Amino acid sequence: MPLRWEDWPTGIAERLRAGCVIPAHPLALTAER
């Protein structure tokens, strides 16, 4: 089923709008890539 922001778990919308740190996640590879 499609997901709407109104259906998020309690607190997600409030914390997103209050502002936070969201790192852009790197990729961990072995020497063999």
PDB file of all heavy atoms in Angstrom:
ATOM      1  N   MET A   1       0.839  -1.196   0.000  1.00  0.00           N
ATOM      2  CA  MET A   1       0.000   0.000   0.000  1.00  0.00           C
ATOM      3  C   MET A   1       0.879   1.253   0.000  1.00  0.00           C
ATOM      4  O   MET A   1       1.900   1.289   0.678  1.00  0.00           O
ATOM      5  CB  MET A   1      -0.893   0.005   1.249  1.00  0.00           C
ATOM      6  CG  MET A   1      -1.982  -1.041   1.244  1.00  0.00           C
ATOM      7  SD  MET A   1      -3.271  -0.641   0.036  1.00  0.00           S
ATOM      8  CE  MET A   1      -3.991   0.819   0.772  1.00  0.00           C
ATOM      9  N   PRO A   2       0.495   2.275  -0.744  1.00  0.00           N
ATOM     10  CA  PRO A   2       1.247   3.531  -0.706  1.00  0.00           C
ATOM     11  C   PRO A   2       1.326   4.086   0.706  1.00  0.00           C
ATOM     12  O   PRO A   2       0.437   3.850   1.542  1.00  0.00           O
ATOM     13  CB  PRO A   2       0.418   4.446  -1.625  1.00  0.00           C
ATOM     14  CG  PRO A   2      -0.325   3.513  -2.532  1.00  0.00           C
ATOM     15  CD  PRO A   2      -0.624   2.301  -1.709  1.00  0.00           C
ATOM     16  N   LEU A   3       2.398   4.817   0.978  1.00  0.00           N
ATOM     17  CA  LEU A   3       2.615   5.398   2.300  1.00  0.00           C
ATOM     18  C   LEU A   3       2.473   6.909   2.221  1.00  0.00           C
ATOM     19  O   LEU A   3       3.094   7.560   1.372  1.00  0.00           O
ATOM     20  CB  LEU A   3       4.017   5.034   2.808  1.00  0.00           C
ATOM     21  CG  LEU A   3       4.430   5.627   4.161  1.00  0.00           C
ATOM     22  CD1 LEU A   3       3.565   5.063   5.281  1.00  0.00           C
ATOM     23  CD2 LEU A   3       5.906   5.346   4.428  1.00  0.00           C
ATOM     24  N   ARG A   4       1.654   7.462   3.108  1.00  0.00           N
ATOM     25  CA  ARG A   4       1.530   8.905   3.226  1.00  0.00           C
ATOM     26  C   ARG A   4       2.190   9.350   4.530  1.00  0.00           C
ATOM     27  O   ARG A   4       2.229   8.587   5.488  1.00  0.00           O
ATOM     28  CB  ARG A   4       0.059   9.339   3.196  1.00  0.00           C
ATOM     29  CG  ARG A   4      -0.634   9.028   1.870  1.00  0.00           C
ATOM     30  CD  ARG A   4      -2.035   9.603   1.824  1.00  0.00           C
ATOM     31  NE  ARG A   4      -2.039  11.047   2.065  1.00  0.00           N
ATOM     32  CZ  ARG A   4      -1.724  11.949   1.136  1.00  0.00           C
ATOM     33  NH1 ARG A   4      -1.368  11.563  -0.082  1.00  0.00           N
ATOM     34  NH2 ARG A   4      -1.751  13.226   1.432  1.00  0.00           N
ATOM     35  N   TRP A   5       2.651  10.600   4.546  1.00  0.00           N
ATOM     36  CA  TRP A   5       3.342  11.052   5.745  1.00  0.00           C
ATOM     37  C   TRP A   5       2.420  11.073   6.954  1.00  0.00           C
ATOM     38  O   TRP A   5       2.885  10.898   8.098  1.00  0.00           O
ATOM     39  CB  TRP A   5       3.996  12.420   5.512  1.00  0.00           C
ATOM     40  CG  TRP A   5       3.063  13.583   5.329  1.00  0.00           C
ATOM     41  CD1 TRP A   5       2.659  14.129   4.149  1.00  0.00           C
ATOM     42  CD2 TRP A   5       2.434  14.353   6.358  1.00  0.00           C
ATOM     43  NE1 TRP A   5       1.817  15.186   4.369  1.00  0.00           N
ATOM     44  CE2 TRP A   5       1.667  15.356   5.715  1.00  0.00           C
ATOM     45  CE3 TRP A   5       2.458  14.295   7.753  1.00  0.00           C
ATOM     46  CZ2 TRP A   5       0.906  16.295   6.439  1.00  0.00           C
ATOM     47  CZ3 TRP A   5       1.705  15.232   8.467  1.00  0.00           C
ATOM     48  CH2 TRP A   5       0.945  16.210   7.821  1.00  0.00           C
ATOM     49  N   GLU A   6       1.134  11.231   6.718  1.00  0.00           N
ATOM     50  CA  GLU A   6       0.189  11.213   7.847  1.00  0.00           C
ATOM     51  C   GLU A   6       0.140   9.845   8.534  1.00  0.00           C
ATOM     52  O   GLU A   6      -0.333   9.733   9.671  1.00  0.00           O
ATOM     53  CB  GLU A   6      -1.218  11.590   7.367  1.00  0.00           C
ATOM     54  CG  GLU A   6      -1.360  13.024   6.889  1.00  0.00           C
ATOM     55  CD  GLU A   6      -1.158  13.153   5.383  1.00  0.00           C
ATOM     56  OE1 GLU A   6      -0.541  12.257   4.776  1.00  0.00           O
ATOM     57  OE2 GLU A   6      -1.639  14.156   4.816  1.00  0.00           O
ATOM     58  N   ASP A   7       0.621   8.810   7.845  1.00  0.00           N
ATOM     59  CA  ASP A   7       0.605   7.453   8.390  1.00  0.00           C
ATOM     60  C   ASP A   7       1.912   7.076   9.099  1.00  0.00           C
ATOM     61  O   ASP A   7       2.074   5.938   9.553  1.00  0.00           O
ATOM     62  CB  ASP A   7       0.341   6.442   7.273  1.00  0.00           C
ATOM     63  CG  ASP A   7      -0.993   6.687   6.580  1.00  0.00           C
ATOM     64  OD1 ASP A   7      -1.952   7.076   7.279  1.00  0.00           O
ATOM     65  OD2 ASP A   7      -1.076   6.504   5.347  1.00  0.00           O
ATOM     66  N   TRP A   8       2.859   8.001   9.153  1.00  0.00           N
ATOM     67  CA  TRP A   8       4.127   7.724   9.825  1.00  0.00           C
ATOM     68  C   TRP A   8       3.923   7.395  11.301  1.00  0.00           C
ATOM     69  O   TRP A   8       2.950   7.866  11.911  1.00  0.00           O
ATOM     70  CB  TRP A   8       5.035   8.948   9.742  1.00  0.00           C
ATOM     71  CG  TRP A   8       5.760   9.121   8.455  1.00  0.00           C
ATOM     72  CD1 TRP A   8       5.957   8.215   7.462  1.00  0.00           C
ATOM     73  CD2 TRP A   8       6.403  10.335   8.029  1.00  0.00           C
ATOM     74  NE1 TRP A   8       6.690   8.771   6.432  1.00  0.00           N
ATOM     75  CE2 TRP A   8       6.974  10.064   6.756  1.00  0.00           C
ATOM     76  CE3 TRP A   8       6.564  11.598   8.598  1.00  0.00           C
ATOM     77  CZ2 TRP A   8       7.688  11.031   6.053  1.00  0.00           C
ATOM     78  CZ3 TRP A   8       7.272  12.564   7.893  1.00  0.00           C
ATOM     79  CH2 TRP A   8       7.827  12.282   6.645  1.00  0.00           C
ATOM     80  N   PRO A   9       4.862   6.644  11.892  1.00  0.00           N
ATOM     81  CA  PRO A   9       4.819   6.440  13.340  1.00  0.00           C
ATOM     82  C   PRO A   9       4.851   7.772  14.086  1.00  0.00           C
ATOM     83  O   PRO A   9       5.381   8.768  13.590  1.00  0.00           O
ATOM     84  CB  PRO A   9       6.089   5.624  13.624  1.00  0.00           C
ATOM     85  CG  PRO A   9       6.421   4.973  12.319  1.00  0.00           C
ATOM     86  CD  PRO A   9       5.967   5.918  11.251  1.00  0.00           C
ATOM     87  N   THR A  10       4.296   7.776  15.267  1.00  0.00           N
ATOM     88  CA  THR A  10       4.242   8.988  16.078  1.00  0.00           C
ATOM     89  C   THR A  10       5.639   9.579  16.261  1.00  0.00           C
ATOM     90  O   THR A  10       6.585   8.871  16.597  1.00  0.00           O
ATOM     91  CB  THR A  10       3.632   8.675  17.456  1.00  0.00           C
ATOM     92  OG1 THR A  10       2.320   8.138  17.271  1.00  0.00           O
ATOM     93  CG2 THR A  10       3.548   9.931  18.320  1.00  0.00           C
ATOM     94  N   GLY A  11       5.748  10.856  16.017  1.00  0.00           N
ATOM     95  CA  GLY A  11       6.990  11.573  16.279  1.00  0.00           C
ATOM     96  C   GLY A  11       7.860  11.810  15.059  1.00  0.00           C
ATOM     97  O   GLY A  11       8.703  12.711  15.079  1.00  0.00           O
ATOM     98  N   ILE A  12       7.694  11.037  13.983  1.00  0.00           N
ATOM     99  CA  ILE A  12       8.572  11.177  12.820  1.00  0.00           C
ATOM    100  C   ILE A  12       8.380  12.545  12.161  1.00  0.00           C
ATOM    101  O   ILE A  12       9.342  13.281  11.899  1.00  0.00           O
ATOM    102  CB  ILE A  12       8.326  10.056  11.796  1.00  0.00           C
ATOM    103  CG1 ILE A  12       8.724   8.688  12.386  1.00  0.00           C
ATOM    104  CG2 ILE A  12       9.111  10.321  10.506  1.00  0.00           C
ATOM    105  CD1 ILE A  12      10.196   8.503  12.604  1.00  0.00           C
ATOM    106  N   ALA A  13       7.143  12.910  11.882  1.00  0.00           N
ATOM    107  CA  ALA A  13       6.890  14.191  11.219  1.00  0.00           C
ATOM    108  C   ALA A  13       7.354  15.355  12.079  1.00  0.00           C
ATOM    109  O   ALA A  13       7.958  16.314  11.581  1.00  0.00           O
ATOM    110  CB  ALA A  13       5.400  14.326  10.903  1.00  0.00           C
ATOM    111  N   GLU A  14       7.090  15.257  13.379  1.00  0.00           N
ATOM    112  CA  GLU A  14       7.474  16.348  14.278  1.00  0.00           C
ATOM    113  C   GLU A  14       8.981  16.520  14.327  1.00  0.00           C
ATOM    114  O   GLU A  14       9.501  17.643  14.296  1.00  0.00           O
ATOM    115  CB  GLU A  14       6.919  16.082  15.686  1.00  0.00           C
ATOM    116  CG  GLU A  14       5.408  16.136  15.795  1.00  0.00           C
ATOM    117  CD  GLU A  14       4.693  14.873  15.304  1.00  0.00           C
ATOM    118  OE1 GLU A  14       5.387  13.884  14.948  1.00  0.00           O
ATOM    119  OE2 GLU A  14       3.457  14.866  15.256  1.00  0.00           O
ATOM    120  N   ARG A  15       9.716  15.412  14.368  1.00  0.00           N
ATOM    121  CA  ARG A  15      11.181  15.496  14.443  1.00  0.00           C
ATOM    122  C   ARG A  15      11.782  15.966  13.118  1.00  0.00           C
ATOM    123  O   ARG A  15      12.770  16.701  13.101  1.00  0.00           O
ATOM    124  CB  ARG A  15      11.768  14.151  14.877  1.00  0.00           C
ATOM    125  CG  ARG A  15      11.590  13.909  16.380  1.00  0.00           C
ATOM    126  CD  ARG A  15      12.310  12.659  16.860  1.00  0.00           C
ATOM    127  NE  ARG A  15      11.561  11.472  16.554  1.00  0.00           N
ATOM    128  CZ  ARG A  15      12.001  10.464  15.813  1.00  0.00           C
ATOM    129  NH1 ARG A  15      13.204  10.508  15.262  1.00  0.00           N
ATOM    130  NH2 ARG A  15      11.252   9.393  15.624  1.00  0.00           N
ATOM    131  N   LEU A  16      11.189  15.534  12.002  1.00  0.00           N
ATOM    132  CA  LEU A  16      11.676  16.004  10.701  1.00  0.00           C
ATOM    133  C   LEU A  16      11.510  17.511  10.589  1.00  0.00           C
ATOM    134  O   LEU A  16      12.422  18.218  10.150  1.00  0.00           O
ATOM    135  CB  LEU A  16      10.910  15.302   9.578  1.00  0.00           C
ATOM    136  CG  LEU A  16      11.316  15.714   8.158  1.00  0.00           C
ATOM    137  CD1 LEU A  16      12.708  15.203   7.813  1.00  0.00           C
ATOM    138  CD2 LEU A  16      10.294  15.200   7.135  1.00  0.00           C
ATOM    139  N   ARG A  17      10.364  18.021  11.009  1.00  0.00           N
ATOM    140  CA  ARG A  17      10.083  19.447  10.871  1.00  0.00           C
ATOM    141  C   ARG A  17      10.820  20.281  11.913  1.00  0.00           C
ATOM    142  O   ARG A  17      11.110  21.465  11.665  1.00  0.00           O
ATOM    143  CB  ARG A  17       8.579  19.673  10.946  1.00  0.00           C
ATOM    144  CG  ARG A  17       7.865  19.142   9.701  1.00  0.00           C
ATOM    145  CD  ARG A  17       6.368  19.106   9.835  1.00  0.00           C
ATOM    146  NE  ARG A  17       5.777  18.507   8.614  1.00  0.00           N
ATOM    147  CZ  ARG A  17       4.597  17.928   8.577  1.00  0.00           C
ATOM    148  NH1 ARG A  17       3.863  17.852   9.680  1.00  0.00           N
ATOM    149  NH2 ARG A  17       4.138  17.419   7.449  1.00  0.00           N
ATOM    150  N   ALA A  18      11.125  19.689  13.054  1.00  0.00           N
ATOM    151  CA  ALA A  18      11.906  20.416  14.056  1.00  0.00           C
ATOM    152  C   ALA A  18      13.353  20.570  13.598  1.00  0.00           C
ATOM    153  O   ALA A  18      14.023  21.546  13.951  1.00  0.00           O
ATOM    154  CB  ALA A  18      11.851  19.693  15.401  1.00  0.00           C
ATOM    155  N   GLY A  19      13.838  19.604  12.820  1.00  0.00           N
ATOM    156  CA  GLY A  19      15.199  19.659  12.277  1.00  0.00           C
ATOM    157  C   GLY A  19      16.153  18.743  12.986  1.00  0.00           C
ATOM    158  O   GLY A  19      16.123  18.612  14.216  1.00  0.00           O
ATOM    159  N   CYS A  20      16.998  18.082  12.229  1.00  0.00           N
ATOM    160  CA  CYS A  20      17.977  17.166  12.801  1.00  0.00           C
ATOM    161  C   CYS A  20      19.133  16.979  11.828  1.00  0.00           C
ATOM    162  O   CYS A  20      19.143  17.515  10.719  1.00  0.00           O
ATOM    163  CB  CYS A  20      17.338  15.815  13.134  1.00  0.00           C
ATOM    164  SG  CYS A  20      16.671  14.917  11.699  1.00  0.00           S
ATOM    165  N   VAL A  21      20.101  16.207  12.268  1.00  0.00           N
ATOM    166  CA  VAL A  21      21.251  15.825  11.449  1.00  0.00           C
ATOM    167  C   VAL A  21      20.937  14.507  10.740  1.00  0.00           C
ATOM    168  O   VAL A  21      20.594  13.515  11.397  1.00  0.00           O
ATOM    169  CB  VAL A  21      22.501  15.668  12.339  1.00  0.00           C
ATOM    170  CG1 VAL A  21      23.639  14.996  11.571  1.00  0.00           C
ATOM    171  CG2 VAL A  21      22.951  17.026  12.873  1.00  0.00           C
ATOM    172  N   ILE A  22      21.031  14.490   9.417  1.00  0.00           N
ATOM    173  CA  ILE A  22      20.841  13.266   8.638  1.00  0.00           C
ATOM    174  C   ILE A  22      22.080  13.071   7.766  1.00  0.00           C
ATOM    175  O   ILE A  22      22.227  13.731   6.733  1.00  0.00           O
ATOM    176  CB  ILE A  22      19.568  13.324   7.767  1.00  0.00           C
ATOM    177  CG1 ILE A  22      18.334  13.603   8.615  1.00  0.00           C
ATOM    178  CG2 ILE A  22      19.408  12.013   6.997  1.00  0.00           C
ATOM    179  CD1 ILE A  22      17.032  13.680   7.820  1.00  0.00           C
ATOM    180  N   PRO A  23      22.996  12.191   8.164  1.00  0.00           N
ATOM    181  CA  PRO A  23      24.184  11.941   7.331  1.00  0.00           C
ATOM    182  C   PRO A  23      23.811  11.198   6.046  1.00  0.00           C
ATOM    183  O   PRO A  23      22.925  10.332   6.046  1.00  0.00           O
ATOM    184  CB  PRO A  23      25.072  11.053   8.217  1.00  0.00           C
ATOM    185  CG  PRO A  23      24.507  11.174   9.601  1.00  0.00           C
ATOM    186  CD  PRO A  23      23.053  11.453   9.433  1.00  0.00           C
ATOM    187  N   ALA A  24      24.484  11.551   4.969  1.00  0.00           N
ATOM    188  CA  ALA A  24      24.389  10.784   3.730  1.00  0.00           C
ATOM    189  C   ALA A  24      25.342   9.592   3.863  1.00  0.00           C
ATOM    190  O   ALA A  24      26.554   9.765   3.967  1.00  0.00           O
ATOM    191  CB  ALA A  24      24.753  11.651   2.537  1.00  0.00           C
ATOM    192  N   HIS A  25      24.807   8.406   3.882  1.00  0.00           N
ATOM    193  CA  HIS A  25      25.514   7.196   4.317  1.00  0.00           C
ATOM    194  C   HIS A  25      26.495   6.679   3.264  1.00  0.00           C
ATOM    195  O   HIS A  25      26.103   6.407   2.130  1.00  0.00           O
ATOM    196  CB  HIS A  25      24.472   6.121   4.600  1.00  0.00           C
ATOM    197  CG  HIS A  25      24.903   5.071   5.566  1.00  0.00           C
ATOM    198  ND1 HIS A  25      26.049   4.314   5.405  1.00  0.00           N
ATOM    199  CD2 HIS A  25      24.337   4.661   6.715  1.00  0.00           C
ATOM    200  CE1 HIS A  25      26.138   3.468   6.412  1.00  0.00           C
ATOM    201  NE2 HIS A  25      25.119   3.670   7.223  1.00  0.00           N
ATOM    202  N   PRO A  26      27.779   6.509   3.611  1.00  0.00           N
ATOM    203  CA  PRO A  26      28.734   5.903   2.672  1.00  0.00           C
ATOM    204  C   PRO A  26      28.551   4.393   2.544  1.00  0.00           C
ATOM    205  O   PRO A  26      27.737   3.773   3.239  1.00  0.00           O
ATOM    206  CB  PRO A  26      30.100   6.230   3.310  1.00  0.00           C
ATOM    207  CG  PRO A  26      29.829   7.289   4.325  1.00  0.00           C
ATOM    208  CD  PRO A  26      28.433   7.034   4.801  1.00  0.00           C
ATOM    209  N   LEU A  27      29.359   3.815   1.662  1.00  0.00           N
ATOM    210  CA  LEU A  27      29.340   2.383   1.384  1.00  0.00           C
ATOM    211  C   LEU A  27      30.646   1.770   1.861  1.00  0.00           C
ATOM    212  O   LEU A  27      31.729   2.201   1.455  1.00  0.00           O
ATOM    213  CB  LEU A  27      29.174   2.159  -0.118  1.00  0.00           C
ATOM    214  CG  LEU A  27      29.152   0.719  -0.621  1.00  0.00           C
ATOM    215  CD1 LEU A  27      27.898  -0.004  -0.140  1.00  0.00           C
ATOM    216  CD2 LEU A  27      29.233   0.693  -2.149  1.00  0.00           C
ATOM    217  N   ALA A  28      30.548   0.753   2.709  1.00  0.00           N
ATOM    218  CA  ALA A  28      31.730   0.052   3.217  1.00  0.00           C
ATOM    219  C   ALA A  28      32.042  -1.144   2.315  1.00  0.00           C
ATOM    220  O   ALA A  28      31.223  -2.055   2.180  1.00  0.00           O
ATOM    221  CB  ALA A  28      31.495  -0.413   4.657  1.00  0.00           C
ATOM    222  N   LEU A  29      33.225  -1.123   1.728  1.00  0.00           N
ATOM    223  CA  LEU A  29      33.635  -2.199   0.826  1.00  0.00           C
ATOM    224  C   LEU A  29      34.895  -2.884   1.335  1.00  0.00           C
ATOM    225  O   LEU A  29      35.682  -2.298   2.083  1.00  0.00           O
ATOM    226  CB  LEU A  29      33.902  -1.639  -0.577  1.00  0.00           C
ATOM    227  CG  LEU A  29      32.720  -1.034  -1.339  1.00  0.00           C
ATOM    228  CD1 LEU A  29      33.195  -0.467  -2.667  1.00  0.00           C
ATOM    229  CD2 LEU A  29      31.613  -2.062  -1.544  1.00  0.00           C
ATOM    230  N   THR A  30      35.082  -4.126   0.879  1.00  0.00           N
ATOM    231  CA  THR A  30      36.327  -4.841   1.112  1.00  0.00           C
ATOM    232  C   THR A  30      37.331  -4.462   0.028  1.00  0.00           C
ATOM    233  O   THR A  30      36.992  -3.762  -0.937  1.00  0.00           O
ATOM    234  CB  THR A  30      36.097  -6.352   1.064  1.00  0.00           C
ATOM    235  OG1 THR A  30      35.718  -6.711  -0.283  1.00  0.00           O
ATOM    236  CG2 THR A  30      34.997  -6.782   2.032  1.00  0.00           C
ATOM    237  N   ALA A  31      38.555  -4.948   0.157  1.00  0.00           N
ATOM    238  CA  ALA A  31      39.579  -4.678  -0.850  1.00  0.00           C
ATOM    239  C   ALA A  31      39.189  -5.242  -2.210  1.00  0.00           C
ATOM    240  O   ALA A  31      39.665  -4.759  -3.250  1.00  0.00           O
ATOM    241  CB  ALA A  31      40.917  -5.259  -0.397  1.00  0.00           C
ATOM    242  N   GLU A  32      38.303  -6.237  -2.216  1.00  0.00           N
ATOM    243  CA  GLU A  32      37.812  -6.817  -3.477  1.00  0.00           C
ATOM    244  C   GLU A  32      36.611  -6.038  -4.030  1.00  0.00           C
ATOM    245  O   GLU A  32      35.998  -6.458  -5.001  1.00  0.00           O
ATOM    246  CB  GLU A  32      37.415  -8.279  -3.258  1.00  0.00           C
ATOM    247  CG  GLU A  32      38.576  -9.203  -2.908  1.00  0.00           C
ATOM    248  CD  GLU A  32      39.078  -9.007  -1.469  1.00  0.00           C
ATOM    249  OE1 GLU A  32      38.229  -8.698  -0.593  1.00  0.00           O
ATOM    250  OE2 GLU A  32      40.308  -9.132  -1.224  1.00  0.00           O
ATOM    251  N   ARG A  33      36.278  -4.912  -3.396  1.00  0.00           N
ATOM    252  CA  ARG A  33      35.150  -4.055  -3.775  1.00  0.00           C
ATOM    253  C   ARG A  33      33.823  -4.794  -3.665  1.00  0.00           C
ATOM    254  O   ARG A  33      32.904  -4.616  -4.474  1.00  0.00           O
ATOM    255  CB  ARG A  33      35.360  -3.449  -5.172  1.00  0.00           C
ATOM    256  CG  ARG A  33      36.665  -2.677  -5.271  1.00  0.00           C
ATOM    257  CD  ARG A  33      36.848  -1.969  -6.610  1.00  0.00           C
ATOM    258  NE  ARG A  33      38.247  -1.573  -6.774  1.00  0.00           N
ATOM    259  CZ  ARG A  33      38.792  -0.471  -6.266  1.00  0.00           C
ATOM    260  NH1 ARG A  33      38.040   0.367  -5.569  1.00  0.00           N
ATOM    261  NH2 ARG A  33      40.073  -0.192  -6.457  1.00  0.00           N
TER     262      ARG A  33
END
